[in-house]
Every structure is written in C-alpha cells, then in structure tokens.
C-alpha cells in the first residue's frame, strides 16, 4: 500500500470533490481517480458508493479513512522529527585536570569544530585523575585525560604523553637538592592522600614526611608551593612552565614516565562521531609530541 495513495484518498474524502482534491494535491483528475482505483484493487473492497449522485464512503472506506489519518499523522510526525534531528548537535563531554584541558583538549577542539559544525563539545576541569576516571565509568563524561591508573576491560585508552611524580619546592624556598631531608623536616608537604598511586610510589621510596597536609587539588598544591613556604608532591605536567622558567626546584622523583592517557568507555567508541573525536585527539597529541 503506497503512502501517496492513502494521501490521495484522505484528501478526496475531506474535499468530497475530485476536482478540488486534484487541485489541492497538484495532480490531474485522472491521476486522482487512478490512485483511488489502485487502492481499491489492493484492498479488494469498494471504498465509495454512489448515493443520490454523490460519492459516499462504504463501511470499508470509513475504516480505511480512520486508520489512514493515524498512519499519515504518525508519518508526518516521524518526518518532522527526522528533519529536526538533522539540525541537532552531537554533544561530546570531556574532562581532565585544568592543565590537561588547556594543553591537550582546547587546541584540538578548535580543529574538531572546524571539521564538523554539528558537534558541540563541553570541557570540564576536575581536581584529580581519579575524579575524571569515575566520571567516565559513571557515564557522566564521554572522555577524560588521566594520569596512569589501573583500568578495567570496559575502558579503552591511548597514551598521549608521559608524566613524572615529584617532590618540588619554590626555588626561593628550596633550591639545593642535597638538602632535601632538611627541607622535608622544616616545611610541610602538600599531598593528595586520596590517590592510591601517589601513596604507593611514596611508600615504595620509603619516604617519610613529619608534617603532611592533605590537599585534594593539584592546583591548590601548586599555588601553595609557589606562594607559601611549603613543599608539594605533584605530576610534572602540572608545573611544566614553572620547571622551564626555573620558578620551582625538583627535589625528588618518585616515579618516572607515568603514562597520561585519553580514556573512554569502549561502548562509547561504537558511535562514529565519538570514535573520530578520540582518534583526532590522539593523533594531534602525537604530532605535537614529535615537534617538541
């Protein structure tokens, strides 16, 4: 049963006149008559009968008319929604430490937007890699950039950079690595004690800090060290500019070449748009790494 035949039938019933129906449909009158005949042939029952020289719906015609209205209304709704969906933007949610958002995500997102205007990207800064990982697992974020963490089989990941875990100080406070033990005894150490990886690496080195201050934000650790008489434990990606400028001194390295990874739930990557974004970020980061 063709949709156009149902449309013709509905308009003929509403207009109660073949000529008016043909004008409304922009068909010739013979075409309208042909559509009605083909519909009756397909159903195997007459749809109209003549009463006092007027066409009147038969019982079969009345049943078909009621159902055809529902069918055509549903079709119209479907077509409208499909048309509207063409203009909808695919939202991609990404998160990471603010340093990672600034360094790895924002420069590449501009290129992604140029490539596909129908993609809308939301970037969120978080306090730790553990927070970022949790948001991906809970499907609150589509992608995250995290420091090296144990990952289960449901998560896909690619290394985009490397990071060292270090004890550091403002160069104004401590600049002689041979005096590290004295600095540790003298100044408080800011550290995020929630992170299992940090605790493990510190224990592995058998390091002991007599005055530890728990701080769950890398940004707070960084600012505390730069603006107060404190030491801090942090990943070198967070203080890259300060290392290069000589504003900080690395007193001790607890772990080297920890991977920085772009992660996503594996099922998320079944969407071609998400897969393309994932690949684009990875390739761009690798290109940048070769030019550094």
Protein backbone atom coordinates (compact mmCIF):
# COMPACT_ATOMS: atom_id res chain seq x y z
CA UNK A 1 0.00 0.00 0.00
CA UNK A 2 1.58 3.23 -1.15
CA UNK A 3 1.60 6.29 1.09
CA UNK A 4 0.69 8.60 -1.80
CA UNK A 5 -2.45 6.55 -2.47
CA UNK A 6 -3.51 6.96 1.16
CA UNK A 7 -2.81 10.70 0.93
CA UNK A 8 -4.95 10.98 -2.19
CA UNK A 9 -7.74 9.00 -0.55
CA UNK A 10 -7.73 11.20 2.58
CA UNK A 11 -7.85 14.45 0.59
CA UNK A 12 -10.69 13.18 -1.62
CA UNK A 13 -12.73 12.29 1.48
CA UNK A 14 -12.05 15.69 3.03
CA UNK A 15 -12.81 17.69 -0.15
CA UNK A 16 -15.71 15.47 -1.29
CA UNK A 17 -14.85 16.58 -4.79
CA UNK A 18 -12.36 15.06 -7.24
CA UNK A 19 -11.57 18.36 -8.93
CA UNK A 20 -10.88 20.17 -5.63
CA UNK A 21 -8.84 17.22 -4.38
CA UNK A 22 -6.77 17.19 -7.59
CA UNK A 23 -6.04 20.93 -7.24
CA UNK A 24 -5.04 20.54 -3.60
CA UNK A 25 -2.75 17.60 -4.41
CA UNK A 26 -1.40 19.25 -7.57
CA UNK A 27 -2.40 16.13 -9.54
CA UNK A 28 -4.56 15.77 -12.66
CA UNK A 29 -8.07 14.44 -12.10
CA UNK A 30 -7.30 11.16 -13.97
CA UNK A 31 -4.30 10.63 -11.61
CA UNK A 32 -6.53 11.03 -8.58
CA UNK A 33 -9.03 8.55 -10.00
CA UNK A 34 -6.18 6.13 -10.77
CA UNK A 35 -4.87 6.31 -7.21
CA UNK A 36 -8.32 5.52 -5.81
CA UNK A 37 -8.77 2.62 -8.19
CA UNK A 38 -5.35 1.15 -7.32
CA UNK A 39 -6.17 1.43 -3.63
CA UNK A 40 -9.50 -0.37 -4.06
CA UNK A 41 -7.82 -3.08 -6.16
CA UNK A 42 -5.21 -3.63 -3.47
CA UNK A 43 -7.74 -3.77 -0.62
CA UNK A 44 -10.19 -5.85 -2.65
CA UNK A 45 -13.19 -3.86 -1.45
CA UNK A 46 -15.02 -0.77 -2.73
CA UNK A 47 -14.23 2.43 -0.81
CA UNK A 48 -17.02 4.60 -2.23
CA UNK A 49 -20.60 4.10 -3.26
CA UNK A 50 -22.97 6.48 -5.04
CA UNK A 51 -25.90 7.83 -3.06
CA UNK A 52 -28.06 10.49 -4.70
CA UNK A 53 -25.36 11.11 -7.31
CA UNK A 54 -22.79 11.73 -4.62
CA UNK A 55 -19.80 9.62 -3.59
CA UNK A 56 -20.18 8.27 -0.07
CA UNK A 57 -17.76 6.14 1.90
CA UNK A 58 -18.61 2.47 2.28
CA UNK A 59 -18.03 0.76 5.63
CA UNK A 60 -14.61 -0.34 4.37
CA UNK A 61 -13.91 3.24 3.27
CA UNK A 62 -14.78 4.58 6.73
CA UNK A 63 -12.44 2.09 8.41
CA UNK A 64 -9.63 2.92 5.99
CA UNK A 65 -10.14 6.66 6.44
CA UNK A 66 -9.89 6.48 10.24
CA UNK A 67 -6.72 4.39 10.08
CA UNK A 68 -5.18 6.38 7.23
CA UNK A 69 -5.44 9.58 9.30
CA UNK A 70 -3.47 7.94 12.10
CA UNK A 71 -0.92 6.48 9.70
CA UNK A 72 -0.34 9.77 7.90
CA UNK A 73 -0.19 11.75 11.14
CA UNK A 74 2.41 9.37 12.50
CA UNK A 75 4.36 9.59 9.25
CA UNK A 76 4.26 13.39 9.35
CA UNK A 77 5.49 13.38 12.97
CA UNK A 78 8.29 10.97 12.08
CA UNK A 79 9.40 13.04 9.09
CA UNK A 80 9.38 16.24 11.18
CA UNK A 81 11.43 14.67 13.94
CA UNK A 82 13.91 13.29 11.45
CA UNK A 83 14.27 16.69 9.86
CA UNK A 84 14.73 18.31 13.26
CA UNK A 85 17.35 15.76 14.21
CA UNK A 86 19.48 16.83 11.25
CA UNK A 87 19.99 20.17 12.96
CA UNK A 88 20.71 18.73 16.41
CA UNK A 89 24.30 18.77 17.59
CA UNK A 90 26.07 15.75 18.97
CA UNK A 91 27.35 16.69 22.43
CA UNK A 92 30.77 15.37 23.45
CA UNK A 93 31.71 15.76 27.13
CA UNK A 94 35.38 15.68 28.09
CA UNK A 95 37.20 16.30 31.37
CA UNK A 96 40.60 16.37 32.95
CA UNK A 97 42.91 18.39 35.16
CA UNK A 98 42.85 22.01 34.05
CA UNK A 99 46.42 21.70 32.79
CA UNK A 100 45.39 18.79 30.57
CA UNK A 101 42.29 20.60 29.31
CA UNK A 102 44.41 23.59 28.38
CA UNK A 103 47.26 21.63 26.85
CA UNK A 104 45.68 18.62 25.18
CA UNK A 105 42.00 19.37 24.63
CA UNK A 106 41.33 23.02 23.86
CA UNK A 107 43.81 23.38 20.95
CA UNK A 108 42.42 20.25 19.25
CA UNK A 109 38.77 21.04 19.88
CA UNK A 110 39.05 24.09 17.63
CA UNK A 111 40.09 21.80 14.77
CA UNK A 112 37.30 19.33 15.53
CA UNK A 113 34.73 22.14 15.45
CA UNK A 114 36.04 23.34 12.09
CA UNK A 115 35.68 19.82 10.73
CA UNK A 116 32.13 19.21 11.99
CA UNK A 117 29.88 22.12 12.96
CA UNK A 118 27.22 19.70 14.22
CA UNK A 119 29.42 18.63 17.12
CA UNK A 120 29.12 20.52 20.40
CA UNK A 121 31.98 19.92 22.87
CA UNK A 122 31.77 20.56 26.60
CA UNK A 123 35.03 20.68 28.59
CA UNK A 124 35.09 20.26 32.36
CA UNK A 125 38.06 20.67 34.71
CA UNK A 126 38.32 18.27 37.66
CA UNK A 127 40.53 18.12 40.72
CA UNK A 128 42.12 14.73 40.13
CA UNK A 129 42.57 11.90 37.67
CA UNK A 130 40.52 9.69 39.99
CA UNK A 131 37.59 12.10 39.69
CA UNK A 132 37.94 12.07 35.90
CA UNK A 133 38.07 8.28 35.77
CA UNK A 134 35.00 7.99 37.97
CA UNK A 135 33.01 10.35 35.75
CA UNK A 136 33.76 8.21 32.68
CA UNK A 137 32.83 4.98 34.50
CA UNK A 138 29.53 6.54 35.62
CA UNK A 139 28.94 7.83 32.06
CA UNK A 140 28.88 11.42 33.29
CA UNK A 141 31.68 12.16 30.81
CA UNK A 142 32.40 10.65 27.39
CA UNK A 143 36.17 11.15 27.53
CA UNK A 144 38.80 12.01 30.12
CA UNK A 145 42.52 12.61 30.25
CA UNK A 146 44.07 10.98 33.30
CA UNK A 147 47.42 10.10 34.79
CA UNK A 148 48.31 6.43 34.84
CA UNK A 149 45.66 4.41 36.69
CA UNK A 150 44.55 0.75 36.69
CA UNK A 151 41.76 0.38 34.12
CA UNK A 152 39.22 -2.39 33.61
CA UNK A 153 38.39 -4.05 30.30
CA UNK A 154 35.35 -1.82 29.73
CA UNK A 155 37.59 1.21 29.18
CA UNK A 156 39.63 1.96 26.05
CA UNK A 157 42.75 4.07 26.46
CA UNK A 158 45.64 5.51 24.49
CA UNK A 159 48.83 7.08 25.82
CA UNK A 160 49.21 10.70 24.71
CA UNK A 161 52.06 11.86 26.98
CA UNK A 162 54.26 10.99 29.95
CA UNK A 163 54.46 12.42 33.46
CA UNK A 164 56.76 12.20 36.49
CA UNK A 165 55.63 12.23 40.11
CA UNK A 166 57.92 14.56 42.05
CA UNK A 167 58.52 16.38 45.29
CA UNK A 168 59.02 20.05 44.44
CA UNK A 169 59.51 23.43 46.06
CA UNK A 170 59.59 27.05 45.08
CA UNK A 171 63.17 27.89 44.09
CA UNK A 172 63.01 30.77 46.57
CA UNK A 173 62.33 28.31 49.40
CA UNK A 174 64.47 25.32 48.44
CA UNK A 175 66.99 25.08 45.61
CA UNK A 176 69.63 22.63 46.85
CA UNK A 177 68.65 19.01 46.22
CA UNK A 178 71.34 17.80 48.61
CA UNK A 179 69.36 19.41 51.43
CA UNK A 180 66.09 17.64 50.64
CA UNK A 181 65.88 15.84 54.00
CA UNK A 182 66.34 19.14 55.83
CA UNK A 183 63.64 20.79 53.73
CA UNK A 184 61.24 17.91 54.49
CA UNK A 185 61.93 18.28 58.19
CA UNK A 186 61.44 22.05 58.08
CA UNK A 187 58.46 22.59 55.74
CA UNK A 188 55.02 20.96 55.47
CA UNK A 189 54.40 18.77 52.43
CA UNK A 190 51.17 19.19 50.46
CA UNK A 191 49.96 15.88 49.02
CA UNK A 192 46.72 14.38 47.77
CA UNK A 193 46.43 11.39 50.09
CA UNK A 194 43.32 10.06 48.34
CA UNK A 195 45.29 8.92 45.29
CA UNK A 196 46.42 5.29 45.71
CA UNK A 197 49.14 5.67 43.08
CA UNK A 198 50.78 8.56 44.93
CA UNK A 199 50.64 6.72 48.26
CA UNK A 200 52.11 3.61 46.65
CA UNK A 201 55.00 5.45 44.99
CA UNK A 202 55.86 7.32 48.21
CA UNK A 203 55.83 4.06 50.22
CA UNK A 204 57.95 2.36 47.58
CA UNK A 205 60.60 5.04 48.07
CA UNK A 206 60.20 4.69 51.87
CA UNK A 207 59.74 8.44 52.11
CA UNK A 208 58.61 9.91 55.41
CA UNK A 209 57.10 13.37 55.90
CA UNK A 210 56.80 14.54 59.51
CA UNK A 211 54.34 17.29 58.55
CA UNK A 212 51.91 16.28 55.83
CA UNK A 213 48.94 18.40 54.75
CA UNK A 214 46.25 16.62 52.77
CA UNK A 215 45.14 18.63 49.73
CA UNK A 216 42.79 17.15 47.13
CA UNK A 217 43.52 19.70 44.38
CA UNK A 218 46.65 19.81 42.25
CA UNK A 219 46.02 23.48 41.60
CA UNK A 220 45.92 24.16 45.35
CA UNK A 221 49.16 22.20 45.83
CA UNK A 222 50.84 24.15 43.05
CA UNK A 223 49.68 27.54 44.36
CA UNK A 224 50.54 26.59 47.94
CA UNK A 225 54.11 25.78 46.98
CA UNK A 226 54.54 28.89 44.84
CA UNK A 227 53.01 31.30 47.34
CA UNK A 228 53.74 29.71 50.75
CA UNK A 229 56.66 28.05 52.45
CA UNK A 230 55.57 24.53 51.55
CA UNK A 231 56.77 21.55 49.58
CA UNK A 232 54.42 19.60 47.35
CA UNK A 233 54.01 16.31 45.53
CA UNK A 234 52.63 16.61 42.04
CA UNK A 235 52.90 15.41 38.45
CA UNK A 236 55.39 17.39 36.35
CA UNK A 237 52.78 18.14 33.70
CA UNK A 238 51.11 20.40 36.26
CA UNK A 239 54.24 22.53 36.75
CA UNK A 240 55.77 22.30 33.29
CA UNK A 241 56.00 26.07 32.78
CA UNK A 242 57.41 26.63 36.27
CA UNK A 243 60.09 23.97 35.70
CA UNK A 244 61.09 25.55 32.40
CA UNK A 245 61.24 29.05 33.92
CA UNK A 246 63.21 27.89 36.96
CA UNK A 247 60.48 29.01 39.37
CA UNK A 248 60.48 25.59 41.06
CA UNK A 249 63.09 23.03 42.05
CA UNK A 250 62.55 19.28 41.74
CA UNK A 251 63.84 17.80 44.99
CA UNK A 252 62.94 14.14 44.50
CA UNK A 253 61.42 12.00 41.74
CA UNK A 254 59.19 9.18 42.98
CA UNK A 255 58.08 7.77 39.64
CA UNK A 256 59.18 8.45 36.06
CA UNK A 257 57.42 8.14 32.70
CA UNK A 258 53.93 7.55 34.04
CA UNK A 259 51.55 7.46 31.10
CA UNK A 260 48.99 10.20 30.50
CA UNK A 261 46.02 8.59 28.80
CA UNK A 262 42.91 9.57 26.88
CA UNK A 263 40.17 7.21 28.03
CA UNK A 264 36.57 6.37 27.12
CA UNK A 265 34.14 3.55 27.71
CA UNK A 266 34.66 1.06 24.88
CA UNK A 267 30.94 1.06 24.07
CA UNK A 268 31.10 4.86 23.60
CA UNK A 269 33.52 4.41 20.70
CA UNK A 270 30.93 2.43 18.73
CA UNK A 271 29.49 5.83 17.79
CA UNK A 272 31.46 7.01 14.70
CA UNK A 273 31.42 10.64 15.89
CA UNK A 274 32.98 9.69 19.23
CA UNK A 275 35.49 7.40 17.55
CA UNK A 276 36.52 10.19 15.18
CA UNK A 277 36.98 12.60 18.10
CA UNK A 278 39.03 10.01 20.02
CA UNK A 279 41.30 9.37 17.03
CA UNK A 280 41.68 13.07 16.25
CA UNK A 281 42.84 13.94 19.79
CA UNK A 282 45.29 11.03 19.89
CA UNK A 283 46.82 11.83 16.50
CA UNK A 284 47.11 15.55 17.29
CA UNK A 285 48.82 14.87 20.64
CA UNK A 286 51.28 12.52 19.00
CA UNK A 287 52.09 15.06 16.29
CA UNK A 288 52.71 17.69 18.96
CA UNK A 289 54.98 15.29 20.84
CA UNK A 290 57.19 14.77 17.79
CA UNK A 291 57.67 18.50 17.33
CA UNK A 292 58.65 19.18 20.95
